[in-house]
PDB file of N, CA and C in Angstrom:
ATOM      1  N   MET A   1       6.914  -7.504 -36.902  1.00  0.00           N
ATOM      2  CA  MET A   1       5.906  -8.613 -36.680  1.00  0.00           C
ATOM      3  C   MET A   1       4.951  -7.971 -35.673  1.00  0.00           C
ATOM      4  N   ASN A   2       3.678  -8.397 -36.097  1.00  0.00           N
ATOM      5  CA  ASN A   2       2.460  -7.799 -34.948  1.00  0.00           C
ATOM      6  C   ASN A   2       2.378  -8.769 -33.928  1.00  0.00           C
ATOM      7  N   GLU A   3       2.394  -8.462 -32.399  1.00  0.00           N
ATOM      8  CA  GLU A   3       2.195  -9.575 -31.663  1.00  0.00           C
ATOM      9  C   GLU A   3       0.772  -9.632 -31.067  1.00  0.00           C
ATOM     10  N   THR A   4       0.379 -10.697 -30.852  1.00  0.00           N
ATOM     11  CA  THR A   4      -1.103 -10.645 -30.469  1.00  0.00           C
ATOM     12  C   THR A   4      -1.095 -11.260 -29.210  1.00  0.00           C
ATOM     13  N   PRO A   5      -2.523 -11.104 -28.057  1.00  0.00           N
ATOM     14  CA  PRO A   5      -2.210 -11.672 -26.969  1.00  0.00           C
ATOM     15  C   PRO A   5      -1.738 -13.292 -27.168  1.00  0.00           C
ATOM     16  N   SER A   6      -1.941 -13.743 -27.858  1.00  0.00           N
ATOM     17  CA  SER A   6      -1.633 -15.210 -28.053  1.00  0.00           C
ATOM     18  C   SER A   6       0.109 -15.375 -28.490  1.00  0.00           C
ATOM     19  N   THR A   7       0.559 -14.352 -29.108  1.00  0.00           N
ATOM     20  CA  THR A   7       1.959 -14.608 -29.655  1.00  0.00           C
ATOM     21  C   THR A   7       2.536 -13.772 -28.479  1.00  0.00           C
ATOM     22  N   ARG A   8       2.379 -13.090 -27.715  1.00  0.00           N
ATOM     23  CA  ARG A   8       3.136 -12.310 -26.760  1.00  0.00           C
ATOM     24  C   ARG A   8       3.689 -13.099 -26.157  1.00  0.00           C
ATOM     25  N   PRO A   9       5.085 -12.759 -25.867  1.00  0.00           N
ATOM     26  CA  PRO A   9       5.665 -13.878 -24.592  1.00  0.00           C
ATOM     27  C   PRO A   9       5.153 -13.719 -23.267  1.00  0.00           C
ATOM     28  N   ARG A  10       5.083 -14.752 -22.325  1.00  0.00           N
ATOM     29  CA  ARG A  10       4.212 -14.342 -21.260  1.00  0.00           C
ATOM     30  C   ARG A  10       5.331 -14.345 -20.096  1.00  0.00           C
ATOM     31  N   HIS A  11       5.055 -13.677 -19.221  1.00  0.00           N
ATOM     32  CA  HIS A  11       5.880 -13.107 -18.485  1.00  0.00           C
ATOM     33  C   HIS A  11       5.605 -13.236 -16.710  1.00  0.00           C
ATOM     34  N   LYS A  12       6.451 -14.090 -15.767  1.00  0.00           N
ATOM     35  CA  LYS A  12       5.629 -14.136 -14.824  1.00  0.00           C
ATOM     36  C   LYS A  12       5.740 -13.106 -14.105  1.00  0.00           C
ATOM     37  N   PRO A  13       4.895 -12.624 -13.231  1.00  0.00           N
ATOM     38  CA  PRO A  13       4.834 -11.368 -12.225  1.00  0.00           C
ATOM     39  C   PRO A  13       5.932 -11.547 -11.298  1.00  0.00           C
ATOM     40  N   THR A  14       6.879 -10.504 -11.294  1.00  0.00           N
ATOM     41  CA  THR A  14       7.599 -10.523 -10.111  1.00  0.00           C
ATOM     42  C   THR A  14       7.531  -9.561  -9.165  1.00  0.00           C
ATOM     43  N   ARG A  15       8.032 -10.226  -7.994  1.00  0.00           N
ATOM     44  CA  ARG A  15       8.104  -9.825  -6.638  1.00  0.00           C
ATOM     45  C   ARG A  15       9.186  -9.049  -6.177  1.00  0.00           C
ATOM     46  N   SER A  16       8.752  -7.911  -5.974  1.00  0.00           N
ATOM     47  CA  SER A  16      10.322  -6.931  -5.552  1.00  0.00           C
ATOM     48  C   SER A  16      10.631  -7.312  -4.271  1.00  0.00           C
ATOM     49  N   ALA A  17      11.897  -7.502  -3.654  1.00  0.00           N
ATOM     50  CA  ALA A  17      12.387  -7.463  -2.434  1.00  0.00           C
ATOM     51  C   ALA A  17      11.633  -6.881  -1.515  1.00  0.00           C
ATOM     52  N   SER A  18      11.203  -5.623  -1.584  1.00  0.00           N
ATOM     53  CA  SER A  18      10.490  -4.736  -0.698  1.00  0.00           C
ATOM     54  C   SER A  18       9.211  -5.259  -0.609  1.00  0.00           C
ATOM     55  N   SER A  19       8.533  -6.118  -1.086  1.00  0.00           N
ATOM     56  CA  SER A  19       7.023  -6.261  -1.109  1.00  0.00           C
ATOM     57  C   SER A  19       7.086  -7.924  -0.218  1.00  0.00           C
ATOM     58  N   GLN A  20       8.228  -8.497  -0.181  1.00  0.00           N
ATOM     59  CA  GLN A  20       8.194  -9.831   0.379  1.00  0.00           C
ATOM     60  C   GLN A  20       8.008 -10.033   2.097  1.00  0.00           C
ATOM     61  N   PRO A  21       8.290  -8.613   2.841  1.00  0.00           N
ATOM     62  CA  PRO A  21       7.891  -8.791   4.155  1.00  0.00           C
ATOM     63  C   PRO A  21       6.074  -8.716   4.300  1.00  0.00           C
ATOM     64  N   TYR A  22       5.595  -7.833   3.329  1.00  0.00           N
ATOM     65  CA  TYR A  22       4.227  -7.505   3.675  1.00  0.00           C
ATOM     66  C   TYR A  22       3.518  -8.717   2.817  1.00  0.00           C
ATOM     67  N   LEU A  23       3.976  -9.764   1.932  1.00  0.00           N
ATOM     68  CA  LEU A  23       3.327 -10.753   1.546  1.00  0.00           C
ATOM     69  C   LEU A  23       3.234 -11.752   2.436  1.00  0.00           C
ATOM     70  N   ALA A  24       4.383 -11.929   3.243  1.00  0.00           N
ATOM     71  CA  ALA A  24       4.510 -12.816   4.335  1.00  0.00           C
ATOM     72  C   ALA A  24       3.394 -12.583   5.290  1.00  0.00           C
ATOM     73  N   LEU A  25       3.017 -11.354   5.679  1.00  0.00           N
ATOM     74  CA  LEU A  25       2.306 -10.884   6.821  1.00  0.00           C
ATOM     75  C   LEU A  25       0.988 -11.204   6.045  1.00  0.00           C
ATOM     76  N   LEU A  26       0.520 -10.742   5.042  1.00  0.00           N
ATOM     77  CA  LEU A  26      -0.885 -11.149   3.953  1.00  0.00           C
ATOM     78  C   LEU A  26      -1.012 -12.485   4.329  1.00  0.00           C
ATOM     79  N   GLN A  27      -0.179 -13.388   3.985  1.00  0.00           N
ATOM     80  CA  GLN A  27      -0.389 -14.874   3.991  1.00  0.00           C
ATOM     81  C   GLN A  27      -0.500 -15.414   5.419  1.00  0.00           C
ATOM     82  N   ARG A  28       0.020 -14.712   6.365  1.00  0.00           N
ATOM     83  CA  ARG A  28      -0.341 -15.293   8.018  1.00  0.00           C
ATOM     84  C   ARG A  28      -1.800 -14.369   8.404  1.00  0.00           C
ATOM     85  N   GLY A  29      -2.480 -13.751   7.504  1.00  0.00           N
ATOM     86  CA  GLY A  29      -3.582 -13.393   7.822  1.00  0.00           C
ATOM     87  C   GLY A  29      -3.782 -11.696   8.874  1.00  0.00           C
ATOM     88  N   VAL A  30      -2.406 -10.960   9.002  1.00  0.00           N
ATOM     89  CA  VAL A  30      -2.462  -9.867   9.465  1.00  0.00           C
ATOM     90  C   VAL A  30      -3.036  -8.969   8.730  1.00  0.00           C
ATOM     91  N   ASP A  31      -3.748  -8.161   9.294  1.00  0.00           N
ATOM     92  CA  ASP A  31      -4.515  -6.691   8.689  1.00  0.00           C
ATOM     93  C   ASP A  31      -3.923  -5.852   8.585  1.00  0.00           C
ATOM     94  N   LEU A  32      -3.330  -5.648   7.588  1.00  0.00           N
ATOM     95  CA  LEU A  32      -2.115  -4.279   7.157  1.00  0.00           C
ATOM     96  C   LEU A  32      -3.048  -3.029   7.287  1.00  0.00           C
ATOM     97  N   ARG A  33      -4.024  -3.152   6.895  1.00  0.00           N
ATOM     98  CA  ARG A  33      -5.048  -1.705   7.242  1.00  0.00           C
ATOM     99  C   ARG A  33      -5.139  -1.087   8.475  1.00  0.00           C
ATOM    100  N   ARG A  34      -5.083  -2.034   9.485  1.00  0.00           N
ATOM    101  CA  ARG A  34      -5.116  -1.622  10.691  1.00  0.00           C
ATOM    102  C   ARG A  34      -3.915  -0.889  11.176  1.00  0.00           C
ATOM    103  N   THR A  35      -2.874  -1.996  10.805  1.00  0.00           N
ATOM    104  CA  THR A  35      -1.491  -1.177  11.263  1.00  0.00           C
ATOM    105  C   THR A  35      -1.002   0.168  10.539  1.00  0.00           C
ATOM    106  N   LYS A  36      -1.454   0.060   9.361  1.00  0.00           N
ATOM    107  CA  LYS A  36      -1.609   1.465   8.730  1.00  0.00           C
ATOM    108  C   LYS A  36      -2.112   2.750   9.457  1.00  0.00           C
ATOM    109  N   ILE A  37      -3.330   2.202   9.820  1.00  0.00           N
ATOM    110  CA  ILE A  37      -4.379   3.228  10.419  1.00  0.00           C
ATOM    111  C   ILE A  37      -3.609   3.581  11.898  1.00  0.00           C
ATOM    112  N   ARG A  38      -3.190   2.730  12.569  1.00  0.00           N
ATOM    113  CA  ARG A  38      -2.521   2.812  13.809  1.00  0.00           C
ATOM    114  C   ARG A  38      -1.185   4.114  13.397  1.00  0.00           C
ATOM    115  N   ARG A  39      -0.385   3.735  12.734  1.00  0.00           N
ATOM    116  CA  ARG A  39       0.698   4.425  12.398  1.00  0.00           C
ATOM    117  C   ARG A  39       0.385   6.226  11.596  1.00  0.00           C
ATOM    118  N   LEU A  40      -0.676   5.934  10.905  1.00  0.00           N
ATOM    119  CA  LEU A  40      -1.115   7.513  10.600  1.00  0.00           C
ATOM    120  C   LEU A  40      -1.589   8.145  11.753  1.00  0.00           C
ATOM    121  N   ARG A  41      -2.441   7.310  12.559  1.00  0.00           N
ATOM    122  CA  ARG A  41      -3.028   8.381  13.700  1.00  0.00           C
ATOM    123  C   ARG A  41      -2.113   8.260  14.880  1.00  0.00           C
ATOM    124  N   ALA A  42      -1.096   7.777  14.778  1.00  0.00           N
ATOM    125  CA  ALA A  42      -0.030   8.296  15.660  1.00  0.00           C
ATOM    126  C   ALA A  42       0.934   9.602  14.796  1.00  0.00           C
ATOM    127  N   ALA A  43       1.217   9.578  13.724  1.00  0.00           N
ATOM    128  CA  ALA A  43       1.751  10.608  12.993  1.00  0.00           C
ATOM    129  C   ALA A  43       0.824  11.788  13.208  1.00  0.00           C
ATOM    130  N   LEU A  44      -0.406  11.870  12.822  1.00  0.00           N
ATOM    131  CA  LEU A  44      -1.215  12.791  13.264  1.00  0.00           C
ATOM    132  C   LEU A  44      -0.785  13.381  14.516  1.00  0.00           C
ATOM    133  N   ARG A  45      -0.971  12.678  15.891  1.00  0.00           N
ATOM    134  CA  ARG A  45      -1.069  13.108  16.818  1.00  0.00           C
ATOM    135  C   ARG A  45       0.373  13.820  17.142  1.00  0.00           C
ATOM    136  N   GLU A  46       1.530  13.390  16.723  1.00  0.00           N
ATOM    137  CA  GLU A  46       2.765  13.811  16.662  1.00  0.00           C
ATOM    138  C   GLU A  46       3.245  15.017  15.728  1.00  0.00           C
ATOM    139  N   GLN A  47       2.094  15.325  15.111  1.00  0.00           N
ATOM    140  CA  GLN A  47       2.302  16.147  13.690  1.00  0.00           C
ATOM    141  C   GLN A  47       3.577  16.064  12.982  1.00  0.00           C
ATOM    142  N   ARG A  48       3.625  14.743  12.357  1.00  0.00           N
ATOM    143  CA  ARG A  48       4.927  14.473  11.847  1.00  0.00           C
ATOM    144  C   ARG A  48       4.595  14.665  10.218  1.00  0.00           C
ATOM    145  N   TYR A  49       3.420  14.836   9.913  1.00  0.00           N
ATOM    146  CA  TYR A  49       3.574  15.149   8.312  1.00  0.00           C
ATOM    147  C   TYR A  49       4.029  16.199   7.778  1.00  0.00           C
ATOM    148  N   GLU A  50       4.612  15.946   6.519  1.00  0.00           N
ATOM    149  CA  GLU A  50       5.535  17.105   6.158  1.00  0.00           C
ATOM    150  C   GLU A  50       4.561  18.357   5.714  1.00  0.00           C
ATOM    151  N   ASN A  51       3.456  18.189   5.145  1.00  0.00           N
ATOM    152  CA  ASN A  51       2.752  19.452   4.826  1.00  0.00           C
ATOM    153  C   ASN A  51       1.421  19.351   5.298  1.00  0.00           C
ATOM    154  N   GLU A  52       0.162  20.499   5.325  1.00  0.00           N
ATOM    155  CA  GLU A  52      -0.964  20.241   5.749  1.00  0.00           C
ATOM    156  C   GLU A  52      -1.505  19.375   4.513  1.00  0.00           C
ATOM    157  N   LEU A  53      -1.237  19.843   3.327  1.00  0.00           N
ATOM    158  CA  LEU A  53      -1.937  19.110   2.231  1.00  0.00           C
ATOM    159  C   LEU A  53      -1.883  17.493   2.479  1.00  0.00           C
ATOM    160  N   LYS A  54      -0.890  16.970   2.614  1.00  0.00           N
ATOM    161  CA  LYS A  54      -0.511  15.518   2.522  1.00  0.00           C
ATOM    162  C   LYS A  54      -1.140  15.065   3.813  1.00  0.00           C
ATOM    163  N   MET A  55      -1.197  16.065   4.888  1.00  0.00           N
ATOM    164  CA  MET A  55      -2.029  15.591   6.329  1.00  0.00           C
ATOM    165  C   MET A  55      -3.602  15.379   6.025  1.00  0.00           C
ATOM    166  N   TRP A  56      -4.225  16.286   5.288  1.00  0.00           N
ATOM    167  CA  TRP A  56      -5.459  16.314   4.899  1.00  0.00           C
ATOM    168  C   TRP A  56      -5.677  15.304   4.115  1.00  0.00           C
ATOM    169  N   ILE A  57      -5.154  14.915   2.768  1.00  0.00           N
ATOM    170  CA  ILE A  57      -5.284  13.714   1.790  1.00  0.00           C
ATOM    171  C   ILE A  57      -5.276  12.475   2.959  1.00  0.00           C
ATOM    172  N   ALA A  58      -4.676  12.260   3.942  1.00  0.00           N
ATOM    173  CA  ALA A  58      -4.486  10.821   4.646  1.00  0.00           C
ATOM    174  C   ALA A  58      -5.502  11.121   5.735  1.00  0.00           C
ATOM    175  N   VAL A  59      -6.269  12.091   6.037  1.00  0.00           N
ATOM    176  CA  VAL A  59      -7.488  12.264   7.094  1.00  0.00           C
ATOM    177  C   VAL A  59      -8.524  11.826   6.294  1.00  0.00           C
ATOM    178  N   GLU A  60      -8.541  12.281   4.978  1.00  0.00           N
ATOM    179  CA  GLU A  60      -9.668  12.101   3.886  1.00  0.00           C
ATOM    180  C   GLU A  60      -9.769  10.493   3.899  1.00  0.00           C
ATOM    181  N   ARG A  61      -8.501   9.968   3.674  1.00  0.00           N
ATOM    182  CA  ARG A  61      -8.722   8.520   3.178  1.00  0.00           C
ATOM    183  C   ARG A  61      -9.003   7.793   4.202  1.00  0.00           C
ATOM    184  N   LEU A  62      -8.647   8.115   5.511  1.00  0.00           N
ATOM    185  CA  LEU A  62      -8.628   7.319   6.812  1.00  0.00           C
ATOM    186  C   LEU A  62     -10.280   7.516   6.954  1.00  0.00           C
ATOM    187  N   LEU A  63     -10.864   8.389   6.883  1.00  0.00           N
ATOM    188  CA  LEU A  63     -12.322   8.781   7.073  1.00  0.00           C
ATOM    189  C   LEU A  63     -13.186   7.656   6.242  1.00  0.00           C
ATOM    190  N   ARG A  64     -12.456   7.800   4.787  1.00  0.00           N
ATOM    191  CA  ARG A  64     -13.162   6.810   3.713  1.00  0.00           C
ATOM    192  C   ARG A  64     -13.211   5.181   4.397  1.00  0.00           C
ATOM    193  N   GLU A  65     -12.345   4.906   4.939  1.00  0.00           N
ATOM    194  CA  GLU A  65     -12.204   3.646   5.303  1.00  0.00           C
ATOM    195  C   GLU A  65     -12.920   3.238   6.533  1.00  0.00           C
ATOM    196  N   LEU A  66     -13.284   4.181   7.334  1.00  0.00           N
ATOM    197  CA  LEU A  66     -13.844   4.116   8.815  1.00  0.00           C
ATOM    198  C   LEU A  66     -15.256   3.704   8.275  1.00  0.00           C
TER     199      LEU A  66
END
C-alpha cells in the first residue's frame, strides 16, 4: 500500500528523558547559550579539550555566536 501524507499514521514527537531538564530550563527562560559559552571558556582555560581540532571547531563556533 502506498502511503501519502494524509494516510500516514501520525506520531507525536517524543521527548527523551535527557532532554527534559533542558526543556524545563528553556520554559523558565534560562539562556542555555550563555551557560554553554561559560562552560566552553572554562574548558579552554583549563585545556580540557580532547584534541586540537575539537578545540578549534569550538572556538570557531564561539566566535560566530559573538
